[in-house]
Structure formats: C-alpha cells, structure tokens
C-alpha atoms as a PDB file:
ATOM      1  CA  MET A   1      -1.591 232.062 121.263  1.00  0.00           C
ATOM      2  CA  GLN A   2      -0.743 229.506 123.908  1.00  0.00           C
ATOM      3  CA  LEU A   3      -3.751 230.297 126.098  1.00  0.00           C
ATOM      4  CA  GLY A   4      -5.889 233.033 124.607  1.00  0.00           C
ATOM      5  CA  GLU A   5      -8.346 234.592 127.063  1.00  0.00           C
ATOM      6  CA  SER A   6     -10.421 237.592 128.120  1.00  0.00           C
ATOM      7  CA  PRO A   7     -11.398 239.021 124.710  1.00  0.00           C
ATOM      8  CA  PHE A   8     -13.456 242.214 124.617  1.00  0.00           C
ATOM      9  CA  TRP A   9     -14.498 244.606 121.889  1.00  0.00           C
ATOM     10  CA  HIS A  10     -13.477 248.117 122.893  1.00  0.00           C
ATOM     11  CA  PRO A  11     -16.606 250.281 122.618  1.00  0.00           C
ATOM     12  CA  ARG A  12     -14.700 253.472 121.754  1.00  0.00           C
ATOM     13  CA  GLU A  13     -11.649 252.218 119.869  1.00  0.00           C
ATOM     14  CA  GLN A  14     -13.613 249.558 117.915  1.00  0.00           C
ATOM     15  CA  VAL A  15     -10.801 247.015 118.205  1.00  0.00           C
ATOM     16  CA  LEU A  16     -10.500 243.603 119.849  1.00  0.00           C
ATOM     17  CA  TYR A  17      -8.354 243.192 122.956  1.00  0.00           C
ATOM     18  CA  GLY A  18      -7.430 240.071 124.900  1.00  0.00           C
ATOM     19  CA  CYS A  19      -4.556 238.308 126.601  1.00  0.00           C
ATOM     20  CA  ASP A  20      -2.369 235.246 126.230  1.00  0.00           C
ATOM     21  CA  ILE A  21      -1.946 234.025 129.798  1.00  0.00           C
ATOM     22  CA  GLU A  22       0.942 231.638 129.209  1.00  0.00           C
ATOM     23  CA  ALA A  23       2.845 234.104 127.023  1.00  0.00           C
ATOM     24  CA  ARG A  24       2.272 236.898 129.582  1.00  0.00           C
ATOM     25  CA  GLN A  25       0.934 239.201 126.902  1.00  0.00           C
ATOM     26  CA  VAL A  26      -1.945 241.582 126.224  1.00  0.00           C
ATOM     27  CA  TRP A  27      -2.838 241.845 122.549  1.00  0.00           C
ATOM     28  CA  ARG A  28      -4.898 244.070 120.281  1.00  0.00           C
ATOM     29  CA  LEU A  29      -6.400 243.206 116.901  1.00  0.00           C
ATOM     30  CA  GLN A  30      -7.483 246.135 114.746  1.00  0.00           C
ATOM     31  CA  PRO A  31      -9.856 245.351 111.865  1.00  0.00           C
ATOM     32  CA  PRO A  32      -8.819 246.378 108.359  1.00  0.00           C
ATOM     33  CA  ASP A  33     -10.357 249.349 106.580  1.00  0.00           C
ATOM     34  CA  GLY A  34     -12.270 247.939 103.634  1.00  0.00           C
ATOM     35  CA  GLY A  35     -10.491 244.602 103.405  1.00  0.00           C
ATOM     36  CA  GLY A  36      -7.063 243.161 104.031  1.00  0.00           C
ATOM     37  CA  THR A  37      -5.687 241.698 107.219  1.00  0.00           C
ATOM     38  CA  TRP A  38      -6.144 242.577 110.847  1.00  0.00           C
ATOM     39  CA  THR A  39      -3.319 244.531 112.491  1.00  0.00           C
ATOM     40  CA  HIS A  40      -1.811 242.848 115.545  1.00  0.00           C
ATOM     41  CA  ARG A  41       0.013 244.488 118.450  1.00  0.00           C
ATOM     42  CA  HIS A  42       1.000 243.115 121.835  1.00  0.00           C
ATOM     43  CA  TRP A  43       2.497 244.182 125.165  1.00  0.00           C
ATOM     44  CA  GLN A  44       4.827 241.878 127.152  1.00  0.00           C
ATOM     45  CA  PHE A  45       4.891 241.555 130.961  1.00  0.00           C
ATOM     46  CA  ASP A  46       6.796 239.756 133.706  1.00  0.00           C
ATOM     47  CA  ALA A  47       3.685 238.074 135.152  1.00  0.00           C
ATOM     48  CA  GLU A  48       0.709 236.220 133.710  1.00  0.00           C
ATOM     49  CA  VAL A  49      -2.272 238.404 132.762  1.00  0.00           C
ATOM     50  CA  GLY A  50      -5.475 236.610 133.766  1.00  0.00           C
ATOM     51  CA  CYS A  51      -7.837 239.174 132.266  1.00  0.00           C
ATOM     52  CA  VAL A  52      -7.962 242.657 130.805  1.00  0.00           C
ATOM     53  CA  VAL A  53     -10.749 245.287 130.689  1.00  0.00           C
ATOM     54  CA  PRO A  54     -11.064 248.835 129.338  1.00  0.00           C
ATOM     55  CA  ALA A  55     -10.286 251.681 131.736  1.00  0.00           C
ATOM     56  CA  ARG A  56     -12.743 254.573 131.863  1.00  0.00           C
ATOM     57  CA  GLY A  57     -10.025 257.198 131.633  1.00  0.00           C
ATOM     58  CA  GLY A  58      -8.213 255.458 128.779  1.00  0.00           C
ATOM     59  CA  GLY A  59      -5.894 252.501 128.542  1.00  0.00           C
ATOM     60  CA  LEU A  60      -6.563 249.128 130.130  1.00  0.00           C
ATOM     61  CA  VAL A  61      -6.810 247.516 133.549  1.00  0.00           C
ATOM     62  CA  MET A  62      -5.029 244.162 133.876  1.00  0.00           C
ATOM     63  CA  ALA A  63      -5.458 241.525 136.573  1.00  0.00           C
ATOM     64  CA  ARG A  64      -2.018 239.910 136.747  1.00  0.00           C
ATOM     65  CA  ARG A  65      -0.513 237.367 139.109  1.00  0.00           C
ATOM     66  CA  ASP A  66       1.227 240.290 140.856  1.00  0.00           C
ATOM     67  CA  GLY A  67      -1.888 242.455 141.315  1.00  0.00           C
ATOM     68  CA  LEU A  68      -4.137 244.882 139.469  1.00  0.00           C
ATOM     69  CA  TRP A  69      -2.366 247.245 137.070  1.00  0.00           C
ATOM     70  CA  HIS A  70      -3.230 250.054 134.676  1.00  0.00           C
ATOM     71  CA  LEU A  71      -1.638 249.980 131.219  1.00  0.00           C
ATOM     72  CA  ASP A  72      -1.272 253.116 129.133  1.00  0.00           C
ATOM     73  CA  THR A  73      -1.542 251.606 125.650  1.00  0.00           C
ATOM     74  CA  ALA A  74      -0.072 254.716 124.029  1.00  0.00           C
ATOM     75  CA  SER A  75       3.159 254.836 126.052  1.00  0.00           C
ATOM     76  CA  GLY A  76       3.320 251.333 127.519  1.00  0.00           C
ATOM     77  CA  ALA A  77       3.574 252.794 131.041  1.00  0.00           C
ATOM     78  CA  GLN A  78       2.274 250.621 133.898  1.00  0.00           C
ATOM     79  CA  ARG A  79       0.862 251.692 137.264  1.00  0.00           C
ATOM     80  CA  GLU A  80      -0.110 249.448 140.158  1.00  0.00           C
ATOM     81  CA  LEU A  81      -3.729 249.832 141.301  1.00  0.00           C
ATOM     82  CA  ALA A  82      -3.925 247.165 144.014  1.00  0.00           C
ATOM     83  CA  PRO A  83      -1.594 244.426 145.299  1.00  0.00           C
ATOM     84  CA  MET A  84      -2.535 240.775 144.946  1.00  0.00           C
ATOM     85  CA  PRO A  85      -4.655 239.495 147.875  1.00  0.00           C
ATOM     86  CA  TYR A  86      -3.072 236.009 147.927  1.00  0.00           C
ATOM     87  CA  ASP A  87       0.250 234.176 147.900  1.00  0.00           C
ATOM     88  CA  PRO A  88       1.450 234.492 144.266  1.00  0.00           C
ATOM     89  CA  ALA A  89       3.449 231.282 144.662  1.00  0.00           C
ATOM     90  CA  GLU A  90       0.135 229.398 144.804  1.00  0.00           C
ATOM     91  CA  PHE A  91      -2.524 231.630 143.233  1.00  0.00           C
ATOM     92  CA  ARG A  92      -3.035 234.050 140.372  1.00  0.00           C
ATOM     93  CA  PHE A  93      -5.857 236.216 139.084  1.00  0.00           C
ATOM     94  CA  ASN A  94      -7.975 234.693 136.334  1.00  0.00           C
ATOM     95  CA  ASP A  95     -11.228 235.747 134.653  1.00  0.00           C
ATOM     96  CA  GLY A  96     -12.751 239.179 135.307  1.00  0.00           C
ATOM     97  CA  ARG A  97     -15.365 241.639 134.079  1.00  0.00           C
ATOM     98  CA  CYS A  98     -16.661 245.113 134.922  1.00  0.00           C
ATOM     99  CA  ASP A  99     -20.253 245.957 135.783  1.00  0.00           C
ATOM    100  CA  ALA A 100     -22.046 249.027 134.440  1.00  0.00           C
ATOM    101  CA  GLN A 101     -21.086 251.035 137.535  1.00  0.00           C
ATOM    102  CA  GLY A 102     -17.370 250.581 136.811  1.00  0.00           C
ATOM    103  CA  ARG A 103     -16.572 247.960 139.440  1.00  0.00           C
ATOM    104  CA  LEU A 104     -14.132 245.228 138.383  1.00  0.00           C
ATOM    105  CA  TRP A 105     -15.089 241.715 139.491  1.00  0.00           C
ATOM    106  CA  VAL A 106     -12.153 239.330 139.236  1.00  0.00           C
ATOM    107  CA  GLY A 107     -11.508 235.828 140.529  1.00  0.00           C
ATOM    108  CA  SER A 108      -8.443 233.801 141.358  1.00  0.00           C
ATOM    109  CA  LEU A 109      -7.346 230.246 140.696  1.00  0.00           C
ATOM    110  CA  LEU A 110      -5.242 227.805 142.657  1.00  0.00           C
ATOM    111  CA  ASP A 111      -2.313 226.639 140.545  1.00  0.00           C
ATOM    112  CA  SER A 112      -2.318 223.122 141.985  1.00  0.00           C
ATOM    113  CA  ARG A 113      -6.110 222.690 141.579  1.00  0.00           C
ATOM    114  CA  ARG A 114      -6.024 220.581 144.734  1.00  0.00           C
ATOM    115  CA  ALA A 115      -8.803 222.288 146.731  1.00  0.00           C
ATOM    116  CA  PRO A 116     -11.528 224.986 146.438  1.00  0.00           C
ATOM    117  CA  LEU A 117      -9.380 227.740 147.944  1.00  0.00           C
ATOM    118  CA  ALA A 118      -9.772 230.404 145.254  1.00  0.00           C
ATOM    119  CA  ALA A 119     -12.073 233.405 145.604  1.00  0.00           C
ATOM    120  CA  LEU A 120     -13.910 236.252 143.925  1.00  0.00           C
ATOM    121  CA  TYR A 121     -12.945 239.882 144.504  1.00  0.00           C
ATOM    122  CA  CYS A 122     -14.467 243.265 143.710  1.00  0.00           C
ATOM    123  CA  TYR A 123     -12.313 246.309 142.935  1.00  0.00           C
ATOM    124  CA  ASP A 124     -14.375 249.427 143.645  1.00  0.00           C
ATOM    125  CA  ARG A 125     -13.136 253.027 143.970  1.00  0.00           C
ATOM    126  CA  GLY A 126      -9.566 251.936 144.623  1.00  0.00           C
ATOM    127  CA  GLN A 127     -10.436 249.240 147.168  1.00  0.00           C
ATOM    128  CA  LEU A 128     -10.189 245.474 146.598  1.00  0.00           C
ATOM    129  CA  ARG A 129     -12.423 243.260 148.742  1.00  0.00           C
ATOM    130  CA  GLN A 130     -13.252 239.553 148.749  1.00  0.00           C
ATOM    131  CA  VAL A 131     -16.913 238.823 148.071  1.00  0.00           C
ATOM    132  CA  ALA A 132     -17.155 235.037 147.545  1.00  0.00           C
ATOM    133  CA  ASP A 133     -15.063 231.887 147.835  1.00  0.00           C
ATOM    134  CA  GLY A 134     -15.207 228.095 147.662  1.00  0.00           C
ATOM    135  CA  VAL A 135     -13.971 227.553 144.111  1.00  0.00           C
ATOM    136  CA  THR A 136     -10.770 226.208 142.576  1.00  0.00           C
ATOM    137  CA  VAL A 137     -10.703 228.006 139.197  1.00  0.00           C
ATOM    138  CA  SER A 138     -12.791 231.196 139.070  1.00  0.00           C
ATOM    139  CA  ASN A 139     -14.306 231.821 135.627  1.00  0.00           C
ATOM    140  CA  GLY A 140     -17.390 232.777 133.652  1.00  0.00           C
ATOM    141  CA  LEU A 141     -18.066 236.250 135.072  1.00  0.00           C
ATOM    142  CA  ALA A 142     -20.912 238.058 133.318  1.00  0.00           C
ATOM    143  CA  PHE A 143     -23.940 240.216 134.094  1.00  0.00           C
ATOM    144  CA  SER A 144     -27.540 240.205 132.923  1.00  0.00           C
ATOM    145  CA  PRO A 145     -28.536 243.149 130.704  1.00  0.00           C
ATOM    146  CA  ASP A 146     -30.128 245.016 133.637  1.00  0.00           C
ATOM    147  CA  GLY A 147     -27.244 244.186 135.972  1.00  0.00           C
ATOM    148  CA  SER A 148     -29.453 242.504 138.567  1.00  0.00           C
ATOM    149  CA  THR A 149     -27.902 239.044 138.081  1.00  0.00           C
ATOM    150  CA  MET A 150     -24.236 238.134 138.167  1.00  0.00           C
ATOM    151  CA  TYR A 151     -22.925 234.844 136.792  1.00  0.00           C
ATOM    152  CA  TRP A 152     -19.806 233.096 138.084  1.00  0.00           C
ATOM    153  CA  ALA A 153     -18.348 229.659 137.319  1.00  0.00           C
ATOM    154  CA  ASP A 154     -15.975 227.206 138.947  1.00  0.00           C
ATOM    155  CA  THR A 155     -14.335 225.405 136.058  1.00  0.00           C
ATOM    156  CA  THR A 156     -12.988 222.552 138.199  1.00  0.00           C
ATOM    157  CA  SER A 157     -16.371 221.562 139.655  1.00  0.00           C
ATOM    158  CA  HIS A 158     -18.101 222.100 136.261  1.00  0.00           C
ATOM    159  CA  THR A 159     -20.576 224.484 137.919  1.00  0.00           C
ATOM    160  CA  ILE A 160     -22.049 227.863 136.945  1.00  0.00           C
ATOM    161  CA  PHE A 161     -23.553 229.994 139.715  1.00  0.00           C
ATOM    162  CA  ALA A 162     -25.924 232.953 139.667  1.00  0.00           C
ATOM    163  CA  PHE A 163     -26.207 235.725 142.264  1.00  0.00           C
ATOM    164  CA  ASP A 164     -28.646 238.539 142.869  1.00  0.00           C
ATOM    165  CA  CYS A 165     -26.713 241.782 142.478  1.00  0.00           C
ATOM    166  CA  GLU A 166     -27.602 245.188 143.919  1.00  0.00           C
ATOM    167  CA  ARG A 167     -26.358 247.556 141.263  1.00  0.00           C
ATOM    168  CA  ALA A 168     -26.108 250.665 143.436  1.00  0.00           C
ATOM    169  CA  CYS A 169     -23.833 249.205 146.124  1.00  0.00           C
ATOM    170  CA  GLY A 170     -22.414 246.082 144.453  1.00  0.00           C
ATOM    171  CA  ARG A 171     -23.662 243.662 147.086  1.00  0.00           C
ATOM    172  CA  ILE A 172     -24.267 240.101 145.869  1.00  0.00           C
ATOM    173  CA  ALA A 173     -26.521 237.529 147.537  1.00  0.00           C
ATOM    174  CA  ASN A 174     -28.582 234.371 146.976  1.00  0.00           C
ATOM    175  CA  ARG A 175     -25.838 232.273 145.425  1.00  0.00           C
ATOM    176  CA  ARG A 176     -27.405 229.394 143.520  1.00  0.00           C
ATOM    177  CA  VAL A 177     -26.514 226.831 140.859  1.00  0.00           C
ATOM    178  CA  LEU A 178     -27.482 227.912 137.353  1.00  0.00           C
ATOM    179  CA  ALA A 179     -26.072 224.840 135.596  1.00  0.00           C
ATOM    180  CA  ARG A 180     -23.851 221.901 136.415  1.00  0.00           C
ATOM    181  CA  PHE A 181     -22.118 219.637 133.909  1.00  0.00           C
ATOM    182  CA  GLU A 182     -20.937 216.062 134.185  1.00  0.00           C
ATOM    183  CA  LEU A 183     -17.320 215.528 135.193  1.00  0.00           C
ATOM    184  CA  ARG A 184     -15.138 213.793 132.662  1.00  0.00           C
ATOM    185  CA  GLY A 185     -14.090 210.863 134.810  1.00  0.00           C
ATOM    186  CA  ASP A 186     -12.494 208.094 132.748  1.00  0.00           C
ATOM    187  CA  ARG A 187     -14.272 208.966 129.523  1.00  0.00           C
ATOM    188  CA  PRO A 188     -12.268 209.757 126.374  1.00  0.00           C
ATOM    189  CA  LEU A 189     -12.332 213.364 125.188  1.00  0.00           C
ATOM    190  CA  SER A 190     -14.576 212.384 122.290  1.00  0.00           C
ATOM    191  CA  GLN A 191     -17.344 211.628 124.823  1.00  0.00           C
ATOM    192  CA  TYR A 192     -16.728 214.615 127.093  1.00  0.00           C
ATOM    193  CA  GLY A 193     -18.774 217.803 126.902  1.00  0.00           C
ATOM    194  CA  GLY A 194     -16.193 220.051 128.497  1.00  0.00           C
ATOM    195  CA  ARG A 195     -16.168 222.324 131.539  1.00  0.00           C
ATOM    196  CA  PRO A 196     -17.309 225.963 131.789  1.00  0.00           C
ATOM    197  CA  ASP A 197     -14.636 228.577 131.089  1.00  0.00           C
ATOM    198  CA  GLY A 198     -15.169 232.214 130.047  1.00  0.00           C
ATOM    199  CA  ALA A 199     -18.584 233.589 129.143  1.00  0.00           C
ATOM    200  CA  ALA A 200     -20.604 236.516 127.793  1.00  0.00           C
ATOM    201  CA  VAL A 201     -24.252 237.596 127.906  1.00  0.00           C
ATOM    202  CA  ASP A 202     -26.264 238.695 124.868  1.00  0.00           C
ATOM    203  CA  ALA A 203     -28.953 241.380 124.565  1.00  0.00           C
ATOM    204  CA  GLU A 204     -31.682 238.824 125.308  1.00  0.00           C
ATOM    205  CA  GLY A 205     -30.034 237.916 128.598  1.00  0.00           C
ATOM    206  CA  CYS A 206     -28.717 234.521 127.490  1.00  0.00           C
ATOM    207  CA  TYR A 207     -25.377 233.249 128.760  1.00  0.00           C
ATOM    208  CA  TRP A 208     -22.813 232.055 126.203  1.00  0.00           C
ATOM    209  CA  VAL A 209     -20.140 229.861 127.786  1.00  0.00           C
ATOM    210  CA  ALA A 210     -17.010 228.284 126.310  1.00  0.00           C
ATOM    211  CA  MET A 211     -16.770 224.607 127.261  1.00  0.00           C
ATOM    212  CA  TYR A 212     -13.045 223.929 127.644  1.00  0.00           C
ATOM    213  CA  GLU A 213     -12.013 220.566 126.171  1.00  0.00           C
ATOM    214  CA  GLY A 214     -15.586 220.160 124.903  1.00  0.00           C
ATOM    215  CA  ALA A 215     -15.030 221.790 121.478  1.00  0.00           C
ATOM    216  CA  ARG A 216     -18.212 223.815 121.843  1.00  0.00           C
ATOM    217  CA  VAL A 217     -19.868 226.987 123.078  1.00  0.00           C
ATOM    218  CA  LEU A 218     -23.290 226.744 124.731  1.00  0.00           C
ATOM    219  CA  ARG A 219     -26.041 229.337 124.885  1.00  0.00           C
ATOM    220  CA  LEU A 220     -27.984 229.043 128.141  1.00  0.00           C
ATOM    221  CA  SER A 221     -31.235 230.715 129.101  1.00  0.00           C
ATOM    222  CA  PRO A 222     -31.371 232.847 132.296  1.00  0.00           C
ATOM    223  CA  ALA A 223     -32.846 229.725 133.915  1.00  0.00           C
ATOM    224  CA  GLY A 224     -29.843 227.583 132.899  1.00  0.00           C
ATOM    225  CA  GLU A 225     -31.476 225.649 130.063  1.00  0.00           C
ATOM    226  CA  ILE A 226     -29.303 224.819 127.037  1.00  0.00           C
ATOM    227  CA  LEU A 227     -30.857 226.694 124.104  1.00  0.00           C
ATOM    228  CA  SER A 228     -28.236 225.967 121.460  1.00  0.00           C
ATOM    229  CA  GLU A 229     -24.804 224.459 120.917  1.00  0.00           C
ATOM    230  CA  LEU A 230     -22.078 225.815 118.671  1.00  0.00           C
ATOM    231  CA  ARG A 231     -19.612 223.099 117.646  1.00  0.00           C
ATOM    232  CA  LEU A 232     -16.045 224.280 117.050  1.00  0.00           C
ATOM    233  CA  PRO A 233     -13.026 222.986 115.095  1.00  0.00           C
ATOM    234  CA  VAL A 234     -10.821 223.196 118.222  1.00  0.00           C
ATOM    235  CA  ARG A 235     -10.873 221.209 121.448  1.00  0.00           C
ATOM    236  CA  CYS A 236     -10.249 224.079 123.871  1.00  0.00           C
ATOM    237  CA  PRO A 237     -12.317 227.261 123.486  1.00  0.00           C
ATOM    238  CA  THR A 238     -11.691 229.627 126.383  1.00  0.00           C
ATOM    239  CA  MET A 239     -14.036 232.631 126.149  1.00  0.00           C
ATOM    240  CA  PRO A 240     -16.542 234.273 123.783  1.00  0.00           C
ATOM    241  CA  CYS A 241     -17.278 237.964 123.381  1.00  0.00           C
ATOM    242  CA  PHE A 242     -19.483 240.048 121.113  1.00  0.00           C
ATOM    243  CA  GLY A 243     -17.960 242.661 118.844  1.00  0.00           C
ATOM    244  CA  GLY A 244     -18.072 244.557 115.609  1.00  0.00           C
ATOM    245  CA  ALA A 245     -20.003 247.780 115.100  1.00  0.00           C
ATOM    246  CA  ASP A 246     -23.337 246.000 115.652  1.00  0.00           C
ATOM    247  CA  LEU A 247     -22.053 243.590 118.362  1.00  0.00           C
ATOM    248  CA  ARG A 248     -23.218 240.650 116.235  1.00  0.00           C
ATOM    249  CA  THR A 249     -19.796 239.132 115.603  1.00  0.00           C
ATOM    250  CA  LEU A 250     -18.988 236.430 118.127  1.00  0.00           C
ATOM    251  CA  PHE A 251     -15.245 236.223 118.803  1.00  0.00           C
ATOM    252  CA  ILE A 252     -13.923 233.116 120.588  1.00  0.00           C
ATOM    253  CA  THR A 253     -10.437 232.763 122.028  1.00  0.00           C
ATOM    254  CA  THR A 254      -8.869 229.302 122.175  1.00  0.00           C
ATOM    255  CA  GLY A 255      -5.860 227.527 123.654  1.00  0.00           C
ATOM    256  CA  ARG A 256      -3.129 225.118 122.599  1.00  0.00           C
ATOM    257  CA  HIS A 257      -0.980 225.054 125.765  1.00  0.00           C
ATOM    258  CA  LYS A 258      -0.066 221.512 126.875  1.00  0.00           C
ATOM    259  CA  ARG A 259      -2.280 219.911 124.229  1.00  0.00           C
ATOM    260  CA  PRO A 260      -1.154 216.600 122.654  1.00  0.00           C
ATOM    261  CA  PRO A 261       0.824 216.917 119.403  1.00  0.00           C
ATOM    262  CA  GLU A 262      -1.644 214.735 117.493  1.00  0.00           C
ATOM    263  CA  GLU A 263      -4.534 216.974 118.589  1.00  0.00           C
ATOM    264  CA  LEU A 264      -2.737 220.124 117.453  1.00  0.00           C
ATOM    265  CA  ALA A 265      -1.872 218.523 114.128  1.00  0.00           C
ATOM    266  CA  ALA A 266      -5.557 217.742 113.555  1.00  0.00           C
ATOM    267  CA  GLN A 267      -6.743 221.168 114.790  1.00  0.00           C
ATOM    268  CA  PRO A 268      -4.599 223.883 113.180  1.00  0.00           C
ATOM    269  CA  LEU A 269      -6.874 226.661 114.487  1.00  0.00           C
ATOM    270  CA  ALA A 270      -6.074 225.834 118.119  1.00  0.00           C
ATOM    271  CA  GLY A 271      -4.706 228.998 119.717  1.00  0.00           C
ATOM    272  CA  CYS A 272      -6.405 231.261 117.172  1.00  0.00           C
ATOM    273  CA  VAL A 273      -9.260 233.720 117.581  1.00  0.00           C
ATOM    274  CA  LEU A 274     -12.372 232.385 115.858  1.00  0.00           C
ATOM    275  CA  ALA A 275     -15.189 234.602 114.600  1.00  0.00           C
ATOM    276  CA  LEU A 276     -18.690 234.135 113.232  1.00  0.00           C
ATOM    277  CA  ARG A 277     -21.858 236.159 112.803  1.00  0.00           C
ATOM    278  CA  VAL A 278     -24.795 235.628 115.180  1.00  0.00           C
ATOM    279  CA  GLU A 279     -28.409 236.778 115.123  1.00  0.00           C
ATOM    280  CA  VAL A 280     -28.672 238.237 118.640  1.00  0.00           C
ATOM    281  CA  PRO A 281     -26.207 241.032 119.483  1.00  0.00           C
ATOM    282  CA  GLY A 282     -24.193 241.149 122.650  1.00  0.00           C
ATOM    283  CA  LEU A 283     -23.753 243.858 125.268  1.00  0.00           C
ATOM    284  CA  PRO A 284     -21.042 246.522 125.053  1.00  0.00           C
ATOM    285  CA  ALA A 285     -18.035 245.989 127.324  1.00  0.00           C
ATOM    286  CA  ALA A 286     -18.218 248.022 130.537  1.00  0.00           C
ATOM    287  CA  ASP A 287     -15.104 249.860 131.673  1.00  0.00           C
ATOM    288  CA  CYS A 288     -13.298 250.123 134.989  1.00  0.00           C
ATOM    289  CA  ALA A 289     -13.859 253.423 136.751  1.00  0.00           C
END
C-alpha cells in the first residue's frame, strides 16, 4: 500500500478490512483455512477513503473526501449517507471509529497543514454534526472499554486528547491532554520519536498508538503514561487494531508514500500490514447503525 490506514477486524466476517488512502482503495484480507496465503480483494473509488467501518446492516461505511458513503461489498454498489461538511479542495475526512451505540465519529484534516482548521464530527441516525475543532490532522479516535472516555489526537501538534463521553446521548465534554510528544524540529529521524497517528484500545483500557515516522507503537495507560514500546522494522506505522478469533493478534498498517528511496530500500516491509501476537486482547470493532 501507499498509505495503509483504518484497519479493523470484522466481528462477523472474521476478516481484516482497511483502506489505502493514496490509492483510493478499500481492501479486505481473508485468512487462509489451515495454512496458505491470505486472500486479498479491493474496491477502487474516485476519492480518497480516510477510514472505513463495518455497517450494522451489512457492508461498510466509508468516510471519503466527498462525504460519507455505504459500500455493499457483495455487489460493489455505493450509496451516499451524508455530504462532506467542508470544502473538498482544502479538506478531507481522515480517521474515524464507531462507538458501541452505532455512532460514527470521524475527523477531517487540512491538506496544507497550515493551521488548526480541521474538526471532529459525529454521524448519528442519519445526521452529521460537528462536535470539536482546533486541530490540523484529526487522528487517534478510540473509546475506553466502558465507553465513558473518548480519545482523539492531533497528529500535527503531537497531542492526544481525552474527553468524557455520555454514552446515551453522545455528548462529549472536559477535553484534556492525555499525552503530548516532542516536536521533531531540526533533529534527524533517527532521534525522533514520531507523532501520534491511528490508535486502538485493549481490554484493559490501554491506548495503543502508532507513532508515524517514529518506527514504533506505544501502549499508554488511561492516565497517559507510557507502559511499553513496540519497535517496528518500518519508519511509518499508521494504525494498530486487534483481530483474530481471540482478538490477540495486533495488526499494524504502514505507509510508504513520499518516503525517500534509500529508506524504502532499507525497509522492504514499508506499506505492508504487520502482525504479531499480544498478551492482552483488544475490543471488538463496533459497527455503524
């Protein structure tokens, strides 16, 4: 992939879905039965797909530059759910995730990265509303196991936020900094820890975040403390998710778009999906109602 993103393990189909933003694709990886290779399928679109989630009635919901869309994975048919709430010449949808009540939370990013003009939106019962703003690249959406805390990151400012979340009505409040990481500045990449990209929460309530350009995934406590670091053989991880029948396989999407040729030559797994076993399982992916 050029820019792999938004992986999730489908709780009913038992397959891995995700998207390649730069290639404008949604993909599916089906595990082999008793050995062999994974089966790959993809769907091609005219606009970038920032994220993809399962739909409660079947198929997928995509947040694309041109709005929210439903994809029938059996027929390939597409249906618009909501128009984009921004100028698509300057913005696009990026990372998103559903809560247990079936609401889709999805953020935008500003293509130019010049100012914190992007926002967070909530799609609920056919209505799309803005719920937060003040970021440049919206990322890192995830929920605590009981749904009372929502996590949200601004990749550009290297900041992860936490909100109190009222599960019944979807109201968020008490925005606060969970963790903040040092900006790169003039340091070489070898001395840079990366910036927060996509994330997932495990069954113990810990927040796993991909550190883009940092070649690592961090596991943070609900208080924002770094509990562990997973070093990776690629510079640009984009998002982790938990999958497999027991949700103890950690899948990590990665990117290779616009990376230097010498880096790609030294890191042949850039752009691949990585996988490893972990001790603490994750949470099943919630679907869009």
